[in-house]
N, C-alpha and C. Protein backbone atom coordinates (compact mmCIF):
# COMPACT_ATOMS: atom_id res chain seq x y z
N MET A 1 9.88 -13.08 -15.87
CA MET A 1 9.03 -13.41 -14.77
C MET A 1 8.57 -14.85 -14.81
N GLY A 2 8.77 -15.67 -13.71
CA GLY A 2 8.43 -17.06 -13.73
C GLY A 2 6.98 -17.20 -13.40
N THR A 3 6.55 -18.46 -13.20
CA THR A 3 5.19 -18.77 -12.92
C THR A 3 4.72 -18.14 -11.60
N LEU A 4 3.55 -17.45 -11.60
CA LEU A 4 3.10 -16.81 -10.44
C LEU A 4 2.49 -17.87 -9.44
N ASP A 5 2.70 -17.69 -8.14
CA ASP A 5 2.11 -18.51 -7.18
C ASP A 5 0.67 -18.38 -7.13
N ILE A 6 -0.06 -19.35 -6.80
CA ILE A 6 -1.57 -19.36 -6.86
C ILE A 6 -2.15 -18.24 -5.97
N VAL A 7 -1.51 -17.90 -4.87
CA VAL A 7 -2.03 -16.91 -3.96
C VAL A 7 -2.01 -15.48 -4.61
N ILE A 8 -0.99 -15.28 -5.37
CA ILE A 8 -0.88 -14.01 -6.12
C ILE A 8 -1.94 -13.92 -7.22
N ILE A 9 -2.16 -15.04 -7.96
CA ILE A 9 -3.14 -15.10 -8.99
C ILE A 9 -4.56 -14.78 -8.45
N VAL A 10 -4.85 -15.41 -7.21
CA VAL A 10 -6.09 -15.20 -6.58
C VAL A 10 -6.30 -13.75 -6.18
N ILE A 11 -5.32 -13.13 -5.61
CA ILE A 11 -5.43 -11.78 -5.19
C ILE A 11 -5.69 -10.84 -6.37
N ILE A 12 -4.87 -11.04 -7.42
CA ILE A 12 -5.05 -10.21 -8.65
C ILE A 12 -6.51 -10.50 -9.23
N GLY A 13 -6.86 -11.77 -9.27
CA GLY A 13 -8.17 -12.10 -9.86
C GLY A 13 -9.29 -11.38 -9.05
N ALA A 14 -9.19 -11.48 -7.73
CA ALA A 14 -10.27 -10.86 -6.93
C ALA A 14 -10.37 -9.34 -7.17
N ASN A 15 -9.15 -8.74 -7.29
CA ASN A 15 -9.15 -7.30 -7.58
C ASN A 15 -9.80 -6.97 -8.82
N ILE A 16 -9.52 -7.77 -9.90
CA ILE A 16 -10.11 -7.52 -11.28
C ILE A 16 -11.56 -7.78 -11.23
N LEU A 17 -12.01 -8.87 -10.68
CA LEU A 17 -13.43 -9.23 -10.63
C LEU A 17 -14.32 -8.14 -9.86
N MET A 18 -13.82 -7.76 -8.68
CA MET A 18 -14.57 -6.81 -7.92
C MET A 18 -14.55 -5.46 -8.47
N SER A 19 -13.41 -5.06 -9.04
CA SER A 19 -13.31 -3.75 -9.78
C SER A 19 -14.19 -3.69 -10.94
N LEU A 20 -14.17 -4.74 -11.76
CA LEU A 20 -15.14 -4.78 -12.96
C LEU A 20 -16.63 -4.67 -12.53
N LYS A 21 -16.97 -5.38 -11.42
CA LYS A 21 -18.28 -5.25 -10.88
C LYS A 21 -18.65 -3.84 -10.50
N GLY A 22 -17.62 -3.16 -9.84
CA GLY A 22 -17.81 -1.79 -9.41
C GLY A 22 -17.90 -0.84 -10.53
N PHE A 23 -17.20 -1.12 -11.62
CA PHE A 23 -17.32 -0.15 -12.84
C PHE A 23 -18.68 -0.17 -13.41
N ASN A 24 -19.37 -1.27 -13.26
CA ASN A 24 -20.61 -1.43 -13.94
C ASN A 24 -21.87 -1.42 -13.01
N ASP A 25 -21.60 -1.28 -11.70
CA ASP A 25 -22.73 -1.28 -10.76
C ASP A 25 -22.48 -0.23 -9.69
N PHE A 26 -22.99 0.99 -9.95
CA PHE A 26 -22.74 2.17 -9.06
C PHE A 26 -23.12 1.87 -7.59
N SER A 27 -24.25 1.20 -7.36
CA SER A 27 -24.70 0.92 -6.00
C SER A 27 -23.67 0.00 -5.30
N PHE A 28 -23.16 -0.97 -6.06
CA PHE A 28 -22.21 -1.95 -5.51
C PHE A 28 -20.87 -1.12 -5.05
N PHE A 29 -20.45 -0.26 -5.94
CA PHE A 29 -19.33 0.56 -5.68
C PHE A 29 -19.54 1.46 -4.47
N GLU A 30 -20.62 2.09 -4.37
CA GLU A 30 -20.92 2.99 -3.21
C GLU A 30 -20.99 2.19 -1.92
N LYS A 31 -21.52 0.98 -2.01
CA LYS A 31 -21.72 0.19 -0.80
C LYS A 31 -20.44 -0.30 -0.20
N TYR A 32 -19.44 -0.54 -1.03
CA TYR A 32 -18.16 -1.13 -0.60
C TYR A 32 -16.96 -0.29 -0.61
N LYS A 33 -17.06 0.97 -1.05
CA LYS A 33 -15.88 1.87 -1.08
C LYS A 33 -15.59 2.27 0.31
N PHE A 34 -14.38 2.83 0.48
CA PHE A 34 -14.00 3.37 1.80
C PHE A 34 -14.71 4.80 1.90
N ASN A 35 -15.44 4.95 2.98
CA ASN A 35 -16.17 6.17 3.20
C ASN A 35 -16.30 6.44 4.65
N ILE A 36 -15.72 7.61 5.13
CA ILE A 36 -15.73 7.89 6.52
C ILE A 36 -17.08 7.78 7.17
N GLY A 37 -18.14 8.39 6.61
CA GLY A 37 -19.46 8.33 7.18
C GLY A 37 -19.92 6.95 7.36
N GLY A 38 -19.80 6.14 6.33
CA GLY A 38 -20.27 4.71 6.41
C GLY A 38 -19.55 3.92 7.47
N ILE A 39 -18.21 4.13 7.48
CA ILE A 39 -17.43 3.38 8.59
C ILE A 39 -17.85 3.85 9.95
N ARG A 40 -18.05 5.06 10.18
CA ARG A 40 -18.45 5.60 11.51
C ARG A 40 -19.83 5.26 11.86
N ARG A 41 -20.64 4.79 10.81
CA ARG A 41 -21.98 4.21 11.08
C ARG A 41 -21.91 2.74 11.45
N GLY A 42 -20.73 2.15 11.41
CA GLY A 42 -20.54 0.73 11.80
C GLY A 42 -20.30 -0.15 10.54
N GLU A 43 -20.06 0.40 9.36
CA GLU A 43 -19.85 -0.46 8.19
C GLU A 43 -18.32 -0.70 8.08
N GLN A 44 -17.75 -1.35 9.01
CA GLN A 44 -16.34 -1.58 9.01
C GLN A 44 -15.85 -2.55 7.82
N LEU A 45 -16.72 -3.22 7.27
CA LEU A 45 -16.36 -4.08 6.09
C LEU A 45 -15.74 -3.24 5.01
N ARG A 46 -16.09 -2.02 4.90
CA ARG A 46 -15.53 -1.10 3.86
C ARG A 46 -14.02 -1.00 4.05
N MET A 47 -13.51 -1.15 5.21
CA MET A 47 -12.02 -1.10 5.36
C MET A 47 -11.33 -2.15 4.61
N LEU A 48 -12.01 -3.25 4.39
CA LEU A 48 -11.39 -4.38 3.58
C LEU A 48 -11.82 -4.33 2.08
N THR A 49 -13.15 -4.20 1.93
CA THR A 49 -13.63 -4.24 0.47
C THR A 49 -13.14 -3.17 -0.46
N SER A 50 -12.97 -1.95 0.23
CA SER A 50 -12.48 -0.79 -0.61
C SER A 50 -11.14 -1.11 -1.29
N GLY A 51 -10.37 -2.02 -0.74
CA GLY A 51 -9.04 -2.34 -1.30
C GLY A 51 -9.12 -3.21 -2.54
N PHE A 52 -10.33 -3.68 -2.88
CA PHE A 52 -10.48 -4.45 -4.09
C PHE A 52 -11.27 -3.75 -5.12
N LEU A 53 -11.61 -2.40 -4.93
CA LEU A 53 -12.26 -1.55 -5.91
C LEU A 53 -11.24 -0.59 -6.41
N HIS A 54 -11.52 -0.20 -7.74
CA HIS A 54 -10.66 0.87 -8.35
C HIS A 54 -11.54 1.85 -9.16
N VAL A 55 -10.95 2.95 -9.38
CA VAL A 55 -11.72 4.07 -10.04
C VAL A 55 -11.91 3.76 -11.50
N ASP A 56 -10.85 3.21 -12.13
CA ASP A 56 -10.91 2.99 -13.62
C ASP A 56 -9.84 1.88 -13.93
N MET A 57 -9.82 1.51 -15.22
CA MET A 57 -8.91 0.45 -15.67
C MET A 57 -7.49 0.81 -15.49
N MET A 58 -7.08 2.08 -15.67
CA MET A 58 -5.78 2.50 -15.50
C MET A 58 -5.30 2.34 -14.05
N HIS A 59 -6.16 2.73 -13.08
CA HIS A 59 -5.89 2.61 -11.72
C HIS A 59 -5.71 1.16 -11.32
N LEU A 60 -6.59 0.33 -11.84
CA LEU A 60 -6.47 -1.14 -11.62
C LEU A 60 -5.28 -1.74 -12.20
N PHE A 61 -4.91 -1.38 -13.49
CA PHE A 61 -3.74 -1.92 -14.06
C PHE A 61 -2.46 -1.62 -13.36
N PHE A 62 -2.34 -0.28 -13.03
CA PHE A 62 -1.08 0.15 -12.37
C PHE A 62 -0.86 -0.56 -11.02
N ASN A 63 -1.95 -0.83 -10.26
CA ASN A 63 -1.78 -1.52 -9.02
C ASN A 63 -1.42 -2.95 -9.22
N MET A 64 -2.15 -3.59 -10.12
CA MET A 64 -1.88 -5.01 -10.39
C MET A 64 -0.56 -5.26 -11.03
N PHE A 65 -0.11 -4.38 -11.94
CA PHE A 65 1.13 -4.47 -12.57
C PHE A 65 2.27 -4.45 -11.58
N THR A 66 2.20 -3.46 -10.66
CA THR A 66 3.13 -3.36 -9.65
C THR A 66 3.17 -4.56 -8.68
N LEU A 67 2.00 -5.03 -8.30
CA LEU A 67 1.94 -6.22 -7.47
C LEU A 67 2.52 -7.44 -8.21
N TYR A 68 2.34 -7.52 -9.54
CA TYR A 68 2.92 -8.67 -10.31
C TYR A 68 4.35 -8.74 -10.17
N PHE A 69 5.02 -7.63 -10.05
CA PHE A 69 6.51 -7.60 -10.01
C PHE A 69 7.01 -7.85 -8.54
N PHE A 70 6.37 -7.21 -7.58
CA PHE A 70 6.85 -7.28 -6.19
C PHE A 70 6.41 -8.42 -5.39
N ALA A 71 5.18 -8.98 -5.66
CA ALA A 71 4.66 -10.06 -4.80
C ALA A 71 5.47 -11.28 -4.83
N PRO A 72 6.03 -11.72 -5.95
CA PRO A 72 6.83 -12.95 -6.02
C PRO A 72 8.09 -12.84 -5.18
N VAL A 73 8.59 -11.63 -5.00
CA VAL A 73 9.74 -11.54 -4.07
C VAL A 73 9.38 -11.81 -2.64
N VAL A 74 8.21 -11.26 -2.27
CA VAL A 74 7.75 -11.49 -0.87
C VAL A 74 7.35 -12.96 -0.64
N VAL A 75 6.69 -13.55 -1.62
CA VAL A 75 6.30 -14.93 -1.44
C VAL A 75 7.52 -15.86 -1.41
N SER A 76 8.50 -15.55 -2.19
CA SER A 76 9.76 -16.42 -2.17
C SER A 76 10.43 -16.45 -0.85
N PHE A 77 10.35 -15.34 -0.06
CA PHE A 77 10.97 -15.27 1.28
C PHE A 77 9.94 -15.72 2.34
N PHE A 78 8.71 -15.38 2.24
CA PHE A 78 7.71 -15.56 3.28
C PHE A 78 6.80 -16.76 3.13
N GLY A 79 6.57 -17.21 1.89
CA GLY A 79 5.51 -18.18 1.63
C GLY A 79 4.09 -17.48 1.55
N ASN A 80 3.16 -18.35 1.26
CA ASN A 80 1.84 -17.85 0.96
C ASN A 80 1.15 -17.18 2.23
N VAL A 81 1.13 -17.85 3.33
CA VAL A 81 0.38 -17.31 4.51
C VAL A 81 0.93 -16.04 5.01
N LYS A 82 2.23 -15.89 5.10
CA LYS A 82 2.84 -14.67 5.60
C LYS A 82 2.73 -13.54 4.57
N PHE A 83 2.71 -13.93 3.28
CA PHE A 83 2.47 -12.87 2.25
C PHE A 83 1.15 -12.35 2.44
N LEU A 84 0.09 -13.22 2.65
CA LEU A 84 -1.24 -12.70 2.87
C LEU A 84 -1.34 -11.79 4.10
N ILE A 85 -0.68 -12.10 5.16
CA ILE A 85 -0.57 -11.27 6.41
C ILE A 85 0.03 -9.93 5.96
N VAL A 86 1.02 -9.86 5.20
CA VAL A 86 1.57 -8.57 4.77
C VAL A 86 0.58 -7.82 3.87
N TYR A 87 -0.07 -8.52 2.99
CA TYR A 87 -0.96 -7.87 2.04
C TYR A 87 -2.17 -7.25 2.76
N PHE A 88 -2.88 -8.07 3.56
CA PHE A 88 -4.03 -7.62 4.26
C PHE A 88 -3.77 -6.62 5.36
N GLY A 89 -2.68 -6.98 6.06
CA GLY A 89 -2.21 -6.07 7.09
C GLY A 89 -1.86 -4.66 6.63
N SER A 90 -1.29 -4.62 5.49
CA SER A 90 -0.92 -3.32 4.87
C SER A 90 -2.16 -2.63 4.33
N LEU A 91 -3.06 -3.36 3.78
CA LEU A 91 -4.35 -2.84 3.32
C LEU A 91 -5.10 -2.17 4.47
N LEU A 92 -5.25 -2.84 5.64
CA LEU A 92 -5.91 -2.25 6.76
C LEU A 92 -5.16 -1.10 7.35
N MET A 93 -3.88 -1.18 7.42
CA MET A 93 -3.03 -0.10 7.94
C MET A 93 -3.22 1.12 7.13
N GLY A 94 -3.18 0.92 5.85
CA GLY A 94 -3.46 2.14 4.97
C GLY A 94 -4.77 2.83 5.15
N ASN A 95 -5.82 1.96 5.32
CA ASN A 95 -7.20 2.59 5.59
C ASN A 95 -7.26 3.09 7.01
N LEU A 96 -6.52 2.56 7.93
CA LEU A 96 -6.55 3.19 9.30
C LEU A 96 -5.85 4.59 9.24
N PHE A 97 -4.82 4.68 8.46
CA PHE A 97 -4.21 6.01 8.32
C PHE A 97 -5.14 6.98 7.74
N SER A 98 -5.94 6.57 6.70
CA SER A 98 -6.92 7.44 6.09
C SER A 98 -7.97 7.77 7.10
N LEU A 99 -8.41 6.77 7.89
CA LEU A 99 -9.49 7.07 8.87
C LEU A 99 -8.97 8.08 9.88
N PHE A 100 -7.75 7.95 10.27
CA PHE A 100 -7.19 8.84 11.25
C PHE A 100 -7.07 10.28 10.82
N PHE A 101 -6.54 10.42 9.55
CA PHE A 101 -6.36 11.80 8.99
C PHE A 101 -7.53 12.46 8.49
N HIS A 102 -8.67 11.65 8.17
CA HIS A 102 -9.89 12.20 7.70
C HIS A 102 -11.15 11.91 8.54
N LYS A 103 -10.87 11.65 9.82
CA LYS A 103 -11.94 11.18 10.72
C LYS A 103 -13.10 12.13 10.76
N ASP A 104 -12.88 13.42 10.53
CA ASP A 104 -14.01 14.39 10.66
C ASP A 104 -14.68 14.79 9.32
N GLU A 105 -14.11 14.15 8.22
CA GLU A 105 -14.58 14.45 6.87
C GLU A 105 -15.58 13.32 6.52
N TYR A 106 -16.82 13.50 6.85
CA TYR A 106 -17.75 12.45 6.67
C TYR A 106 -18.00 12.02 5.16
N HIS A 107 -17.75 12.88 4.31
CA HIS A 107 -17.94 12.47 2.87
C HIS A 107 -16.68 12.05 2.20
N TYR A 108 -15.59 11.93 2.94
CA TYR A 108 -14.28 11.53 2.32
C TYR A 108 -14.42 10.04 1.86
N SER A 109 -14.06 9.79 0.67
CA SER A 109 -14.14 8.37 0.12
C SER A 109 -12.86 8.05 -0.62
N ALA A 110 -12.61 6.75 -0.71
CA ALA A 110 -11.40 6.29 -1.54
C ALA A 110 -11.54 4.90 -1.85
N VAL A 111 -10.89 4.45 -2.86
CA VAL A 111 -10.82 2.99 -3.29
C VAL A 111 -9.36 2.64 -3.77
N GLY A 112 -9.06 1.41 -3.82
CA GLY A 112 -7.83 1.02 -4.38
C GLY A 112 -7.02 0.10 -3.60
N ALA A 113 -6.17 -0.73 -4.18
CA ALA A 113 -5.31 -1.62 -3.51
C ALA A 113 -3.99 -0.97 -3.19
N SER A 114 -3.82 0.36 -3.39
CA SER A 114 -2.50 1.00 -3.24
C SER A 114 -1.91 0.78 -1.87
N GLY A 115 -2.73 0.77 -0.88
CA GLY A 115 -2.13 0.60 0.55
C GLY A 115 -1.55 -0.82 0.69
N ALA A 116 -2.25 -1.83 0.14
CA ALA A 116 -1.72 -3.22 0.18
C ALA A 116 -0.54 -3.34 -0.64
N VAL A 117 -0.60 -2.77 -1.88
CA VAL A 117 0.57 -2.92 -2.78
C VAL A 117 1.77 -2.08 -2.23
N SER A 118 1.57 -0.99 -1.59
CA SER A 118 2.66 -0.25 -0.98
C SER A 118 3.38 -1.13 0.05
N GLY A 119 2.53 -1.83 0.89
CA GLY A 119 3.13 -2.71 1.88
C GLY A 119 3.97 -3.81 1.28
N VAL A 120 3.51 -4.39 0.20
CA VAL A 120 4.23 -5.46 -0.55
C VAL A 120 5.52 -4.89 -1.12
N ILE A 121 5.45 -3.71 -1.65
CA ILE A 121 6.63 -2.96 -2.16
C ILE A 121 7.72 -2.92 -1.09
N TYR A 122 7.29 -2.46 0.12
CA TYR A 122 8.31 -2.16 1.19
C TYR A 122 8.81 -3.46 1.79
N ALA A 123 7.98 -4.53 1.78
CA ALA A 123 8.44 -5.86 2.23
C ALA A 123 9.54 -6.32 1.25
N GLY A 124 9.22 -6.15 -0.04
CA GLY A 124 10.19 -6.58 -1.02
C GLY A 124 11.42 -5.81 -0.92
N ILE A 125 11.43 -4.50 -0.60
CA ILE A 125 12.67 -3.72 -0.54
C ILE A 125 13.47 -4.18 0.74
N LEU A 126 12.76 -4.51 1.78
CA LEU A 126 13.44 -4.98 2.95
C LEU A 126 14.21 -6.32 2.68
N PHE A 127 13.58 -7.16 1.95
CA PHE A 127 14.17 -8.46 1.53
C PHE A 127 15.27 -8.28 0.51
N ARG A 128 15.00 -7.39 -0.46
CA ARG A 128 15.99 -7.24 -1.53
C ARG A 128 16.33 -5.75 -1.78
N PRO A 129 17.03 -5.11 -0.86
CA PRO A 129 17.37 -3.75 -1.04
C PRO A 129 18.20 -3.47 -2.23
N ASP A 130 18.88 -4.55 -2.68
CA ASP A 130 19.80 -4.42 -3.87
C ASP A 130 19.02 -4.44 -5.19
N MET A 131 17.71 -4.59 -5.07
CA MET A 131 16.96 -4.66 -6.34
C MET A 131 17.01 -3.33 -7.12
N SER A 132 16.83 -3.35 -8.38
CA SER A 132 16.83 -2.14 -9.12
C SER A 132 15.39 -2.07 -9.81
N LEU A 133 14.86 -0.87 -9.88
CA LEU A 133 13.57 -0.69 -10.51
C LEU A 133 13.74 0.10 -11.80
N TYR A 134 12.92 -0.25 -12.75
CA TYR A 134 12.91 0.63 -14.07
C TYR A 134 11.63 1.28 -14.03
N LEU A 135 11.60 2.63 -14.10
CA LEU A 135 10.36 3.33 -14.10
C LEU A 135 10.20 4.02 -15.44
N MET A 136 8.86 4.24 -15.78
CA MET A 136 8.64 4.93 -17.06
C MET A 136 9.29 6.31 -17.15
N PHE A 137 9.91 6.60 -18.31
CA PHE A 137 10.47 7.89 -18.62
C PHE A 137 11.84 8.09 -18.00
N ILE A 138 12.30 7.10 -17.17
CA ILE A 138 13.67 7.15 -16.59
C ILE A 138 14.52 6.02 -17.19
N PRO A 139 15.53 6.30 -18.00
CA PRO A 139 16.20 5.26 -18.68
C PRO A 139 17.17 4.43 -17.90
N ILE A 140 17.41 4.85 -16.67
CA ILE A 140 18.37 4.08 -15.85
C ILE A 140 17.76 3.40 -14.69
N PRO A 141 18.26 2.27 -14.21
CA PRO A 141 17.67 1.60 -13.06
C PRO A 141 17.81 2.40 -11.78
N ILE A 142 16.80 2.38 -10.89
CA ILE A 142 16.83 3.01 -9.58
C ILE A 142 16.92 2.02 -8.51
N PRO A 143 17.87 2.19 -7.59
CA PRO A 143 17.88 1.31 -6.43
C PRO A 143 16.55 1.22 -5.68
N ALA A 144 16.19 0.02 -5.27
CA ALA A 144 14.82 -0.13 -4.61
C ALA A 144 14.76 0.83 -3.38
N TYR A 145 15.78 0.89 -2.60
CA TYR A 145 15.78 1.71 -1.35
C TYR A 145 15.61 3.18 -1.61
N ILE A 146 16.19 3.68 -2.76
CA ILE A 146 16.01 5.10 -3.11
C ILE A 146 14.60 5.26 -3.49
N PHE A 147 14.02 4.36 -4.29
CA PHE A 147 12.55 4.47 -4.57
C PHE A 147 11.70 4.55 -3.38
N GLY A 148 12.04 3.61 -2.37
CA GLY A 148 11.20 3.52 -1.13
C GLY A 148 11.27 4.76 -0.41
N ILE A 149 12.41 5.38 -0.16
CA ILE A 149 12.51 6.63 0.63
C ILE A 149 11.82 7.76 -0.18
N GLY A 150 12.07 7.84 -1.45
CA GLY A 150 11.41 8.86 -2.27
C GLY A 150 9.95 8.79 -2.23
N TYR A 151 9.42 7.53 -2.31
CA TYR A 151 8.00 7.36 -2.33
C TYR A 151 7.32 7.90 -1.06
N LEU A 152 7.96 7.48 0.04
CA LEU A 152 7.40 8.00 1.35
C LEU A 152 7.53 9.50 1.48
N VAL A 153 8.64 10.05 1.11
CA VAL A 153 8.85 11.55 1.19
C VAL A 153 7.75 12.25 0.28
N TYR A 154 7.52 11.67 -0.89
CA TYR A 154 6.57 12.30 -1.77
C TYR A 154 5.15 12.17 -1.13
N SER A 155 4.85 11.02 -0.46
CA SER A 155 3.57 10.81 0.16
C SER A 155 3.37 11.80 1.31
N ILE A 156 4.44 12.07 2.08
CA ILE A 156 4.33 13.11 3.12
C ILE A 156 4.03 14.48 2.48
N PHE A 157 4.77 14.82 1.46
CA PHE A 157 4.55 16.09 0.76
C PHE A 157 3.11 16.12 0.21
N GLY A 158 2.59 14.98 -0.36
CA GLY A 158 1.24 15.04 -0.94
C GLY A 158 0.21 15.18 0.23
N MET A 159 0.44 14.53 1.28
CA MET A 159 -0.50 14.71 2.46
C MET A 159 -0.51 16.10 2.93
N LYS A 160 0.64 16.67 3.05
CA LYS A 160 0.78 18.06 3.64
C LYS A 160 0.10 19.16 2.68
N ASN A 161 0.31 18.90 1.39
CA ASN A 161 -0.18 19.88 0.41
C ASN A 161 -1.44 19.45 -0.33
N LYS A 162 -1.99 18.28 0.04
CA LYS A 162 -3.24 17.78 -0.52
C LYS A 162 -3.08 17.76 -2.07
N ILE A 163 -2.11 17.06 -2.59
CA ILE A 163 -1.81 17.06 -4.02
C ILE A 163 -2.70 16.08 -4.67
N GLY A 164 -3.43 16.53 -5.68
CA GLY A 164 -4.24 15.63 -6.46
C GLY A 164 -5.26 14.79 -5.76
N ASN A 165 -6.08 14.05 -6.46
CA ASN A 165 -7.09 13.24 -5.91
C ASN A 165 -6.55 11.87 -5.57
N ILE A 166 -5.50 11.91 -4.72
CA ILE A 166 -4.74 10.62 -4.42
C ILE A 166 -4.78 10.38 -2.95
N GLY A 167 -4.99 9.17 -2.50
CA GLY A 167 -4.84 8.87 -1.04
C GLY A 167 -3.46 8.63 -0.57
N HIS A 168 -2.78 9.72 -0.51
CA HIS A 168 -1.37 9.58 -0.03
C HIS A 168 -1.22 8.97 1.29
N ASP A 169 -2.19 9.34 2.22
CA ASP A 169 -2.13 8.71 3.58
C ASP A 169 -2.29 7.19 3.45
N ALA A 170 -3.17 6.64 2.65
CA ALA A 170 -3.27 5.20 2.52
C ALA A 170 -2.03 4.62 1.98
N HIS A 171 -1.43 5.27 1.03
CA HIS A 171 -0.14 4.72 0.48
C HIS A 171 0.86 4.68 1.56
N PHE A 172 1.05 5.72 2.35
CA PHE A 172 2.02 5.81 3.41
C PHE A 172 1.69 4.83 4.45
N GLY A 173 0.40 4.72 4.93
CA GLY A 173 0.08 3.74 5.87
C GLY A 173 0.37 2.34 5.52
N GLY A 174 0.06 2.04 4.28
CA GLY A 174 0.34 0.71 3.76
C GLY A 174 1.81 0.40 3.78
N ALA A 175 2.61 1.32 3.37
CA ALA A 175 4.11 1.16 3.40
C ALA A 175 4.52 0.86 4.83
N VAL A 176 4.03 1.71 5.75
CA VAL A 176 4.37 1.52 7.11
C VAL A 176 3.94 0.09 7.63
N GLY A 177 2.77 -0.30 7.23
CA GLY A 177 2.29 -1.58 7.62
C GLY A 177 3.15 -2.72 7.13
N GLY A 178 3.57 -2.55 5.86
CA GLY A 178 4.46 -3.65 5.25
C GLY A 178 5.77 -3.65 5.96
N TYR A 179 6.32 -2.49 6.25
CA TYR A 179 7.57 -2.39 6.96
C TYR A 179 7.56 -2.99 8.35
N ILE A 180 6.50 -2.64 9.17
CA ILE A 180 6.51 -3.19 10.47
C ILE A 180 6.10 -4.67 10.53
N ILE A 181 5.23 -5.04 9.78
CA ILE A 181 4.77 -6.52 9.75
C ILE A 181 5.92 -7.46 9.25
N THR A 182 6.69 -6.98 8.22
CA THR A 182 7.78 -7.71 7.76
C THR A 182 8.89 -7.88 8.88
N LEU A 183 9.23 -6.81 9.50
CA LEU A 183 10.26 -6.83 10.55
C LEU A 183 9.82 -7.70 11.67
N ILE A 184 8.51 -7.69 12.09
CA ILE A 184 8.06 -8.59 13.23
C ILE A 184 8.18 -10.02 12.77
N MET A 185 7.85 -10.39 11.50
CA MET A 185 7.83 -11.75 11.10
C MET A 185 9.21 -12.23 10.62
N ALA A 186 10.08 -11.29 10.32
CA ALA A 186 11.46 -11.66 9.83
C ALA A 186 12.53 -10.88 10.63
N PRO A 187 12.58 -11.08 11.93
CA PRO A 187 13.57 -10.27 12.75
C PRO A 187 15.00 -10.51 12.38
N TRP A 188 15.31 -11.61 11.71
CA TRP A 188 16.63 -11.79 11.12
C TRP A 188 17.21 -10.64 10.29
N LEU A 189 16.18 -9.84 9.69
CA LEU A 189 16.63 -8.78 8.82
C LEU A 189 17.42 -7.72 9.58
N PHE A 190 17.17 -7.64 10.95
CA PHE A 190 17.91 -6.64 11.75
C PHE A 190 19.42 -7.00 11.78
N GLN A 191 19.80 -8.18 11.58
CA GLN A 191 21.17 -8.64 11.55
C GLN A 191 21.76 -8.40 10.17
N GLU A 192 20.98 -8.63 9.12
CA GLU A 192 21.42 -8.53 7.75
C GLU A 192 21.43 -7.15 7.12
N ASN A 193 20.35 -6.42 7.48
CA ASN A 193 20.15 -5.11 6.77
C ASN A 193 19.79 -4.04 7.75
N LEU A 194 20.46 -3.94 8.86
CA LEU A 194 20.17 -2.94 9.92
C LEU A 194 20.26 -1.53 9.41
N PHE A 195 21.29 -1.20 8.67
CA PHE A 195 21.47 0.09 8.11
C PHE A 195 20.27 0.52 7.22
N MET A 196 19.88 -0.42 6.32
CA MET A 196 18.76 -0.15 5.42
C MET A 196 17.51 -0.02 6.19
N ILE A 197 17.27 -0.84 7.21
CA ILE A 197 16.06 -0.63 8.06
C ILE A 197 16.02 0.73 8.67
N GLY A 198 17.18 1.24 9.18
CA GLY A 198 17.19 2.55 9.78
C GLY A 198 16.93 3.65 8.72
N LEU A 199 17.45 3.39 7.52
CA LEU A 199 17.35 4.42 6.50
C LEU A 199 15.88 4.57 5.99
N LEU A 200 15.22 3.37 5.91
CA LEU A 200 13.80 3.41 5.54
C LEU A 200 12.91 3.96 6.63
N ALA A 201 13.36 3.98 7.82
CA ALA A 201 12.56 4.50 8.96
C ALA A 201 12.59 5.97 9.01
N VAL A 202 13.50 6.67 8.40
CA VAL A 202 13.63 8.20 8.48
C VAL A 202 12.36 8.82 8.05
N PRO A 203 11.85 8.58 6.80
CA PRO A 203 10.58 9.31 6.48
C PRO A 203 9.39 8.94 7.46
N ILE A 204 9.34 7.78 7.93
CA ILE A 204 8.30 7.38 8.90
C ILE A 204 8.41 8.27 10.22
N ILE A 205 9.64 8.45 10.62
CA ILE A 205 9.85 9.21 11.83
C ILE A 205 9.41 10.71 11.49
N ILE A 206 9.79 11.18 10.33
CA ILE A 206 9.44 12.54 9.92
C ILE A 206 7.94 12.79 9.88
N LEU A 207 7.27 11.74 9.40
CA LEU A 207 5.74 11.88 9.30
C LEU A 207 5.21 12.05 10.73
N PHE A 208 5.65 11.19 11.65
CA PHE A 208 5.06 11.27 13.08
C PHE A 208 5.45 12.61 13.80
N ILE A 209 6.65 13.09 13.49
CA ILE A 209 7.06 14.35 14.05
C ILE A 209 6.12 15.50 13.49
N LEU A 210 5.89 15.42 12.20
CA LEU A 210 5.01 16.51 11.57
C LEU A 210 3.59 16.38 12.16
N GLN A 211 3.13 15.17 12.34
CA GLN A 211 1.78 15.01 12.85
C GLN A 211 1.65 15.55 14.32
N ARG A 212 2.74 15.28 15.12
CA ARG A 212 2.63 15.74 16.49
C ARG A 212 2.73 17.21 16.58
N LEU A 213 3.44 17.79 15.59
CA LEU A 213 3.59 19.27 15.55
C LEU A 213 2.40 20.00 14.92
N GLY A 214 1.37 19.16 14.41
CA GLY A 214 0.24 19.66 13.77
C GLY A 214 0.51 20.27 12.42
N LYS A 215 1.49 19.72 11.76
CA LYS A 215 1.84 20.23 10.43
C LYS A 215 1.15 19.45 9.27
N LEU A 216 0.35 18.38 9.60
CA LEU A 216 -0.36 17.64 8.63
C LEU A 216 -1.83 17.82 8.67
């Protein structure tokens, strides 16, 4: 891995500093986490600040480690400003999905950069669908597009079956955000990777069909 761009260092640094503050200051954590009741009372800032808080060091490490590998791909194609648009746009889209699916659950809370990181992952896959990923416990490389489709399918399954204490809807929303924002800002991808764009759209279409049918 080469030298990280300053914008990536700043984003990772902000996540680390705010998360460490949250680990040691319960009132700070409670004030800035994603919480349906708080947001519906007018505390919209939580939609942004929650993306820089994490539950524990493992949660923080996993998100920042993933960002460390995927963010340089997006920056290399988009530059700093458009990368930030993808990052924050995906973060907000992920939280909007959570707000939509949990709007009547006033005590529902969540934290983490997973929505933003998911968006960066999908932007990276759109730019480099030929990338291979190496995952823990799997000794062979996995094509990035297989990972992308599998990730969204698992997120749909997790949303439907409420698997674990995981914000699957925020992950999915972030991925959708990264997908849409990247295609808006890089329309030339439709000429170069149209088949891959269509393939990655399949789980997104499935999600909206399930939602319309009341299956989520």
